[in-house]
Amino acid sequence: MKLADVQKLLRAEVICCLEGLDGEVRSACGADLMSDVLVHSKEKTLLLTGLTNVQIIRTAEMGDLVGIVLVRGKRPGPEVIQMAESKGIPVMVTSLPMFESCGILYKNGIKGCSELVTACES
């Protein structure tokens, strides 16, 4: 699935890097804990989060994520947008909550990152 398809499914507004919407999404990770994203994400993963700080951009860059969707209508500040643009990381905003956003993507064929978790980490 392309990021452009994700945008349509989630009725999301593209905040930056419109040219990156042809990027392929194979899996998605819904999380607010960026260390979990780094541990469990895999190739061509889309991040869905309620966070709006620069850590989401740094995580996307380090984890080689394909893009970011901010849920519940949360909007990033200018510093976040500028950093995303400089890194070429598409950022979108949807008014849908995290649970519904993840559910819509899962229903349409996007898998979660759970296959990487092989043991309970308590």
Foldseek 3Di string as FASTA:
>chain_A
DFQVVLCVLQVKDWPDLPVLRRQDAQAEEEDDDLVVCQQQPDPAYEYEYQDQDLVVVVSCVVSVYSAYEHELQDDHDPVNRVSCRVVSHIYIYGNHHRVVSNVSVVVVRHHYSCVVDDDDDD
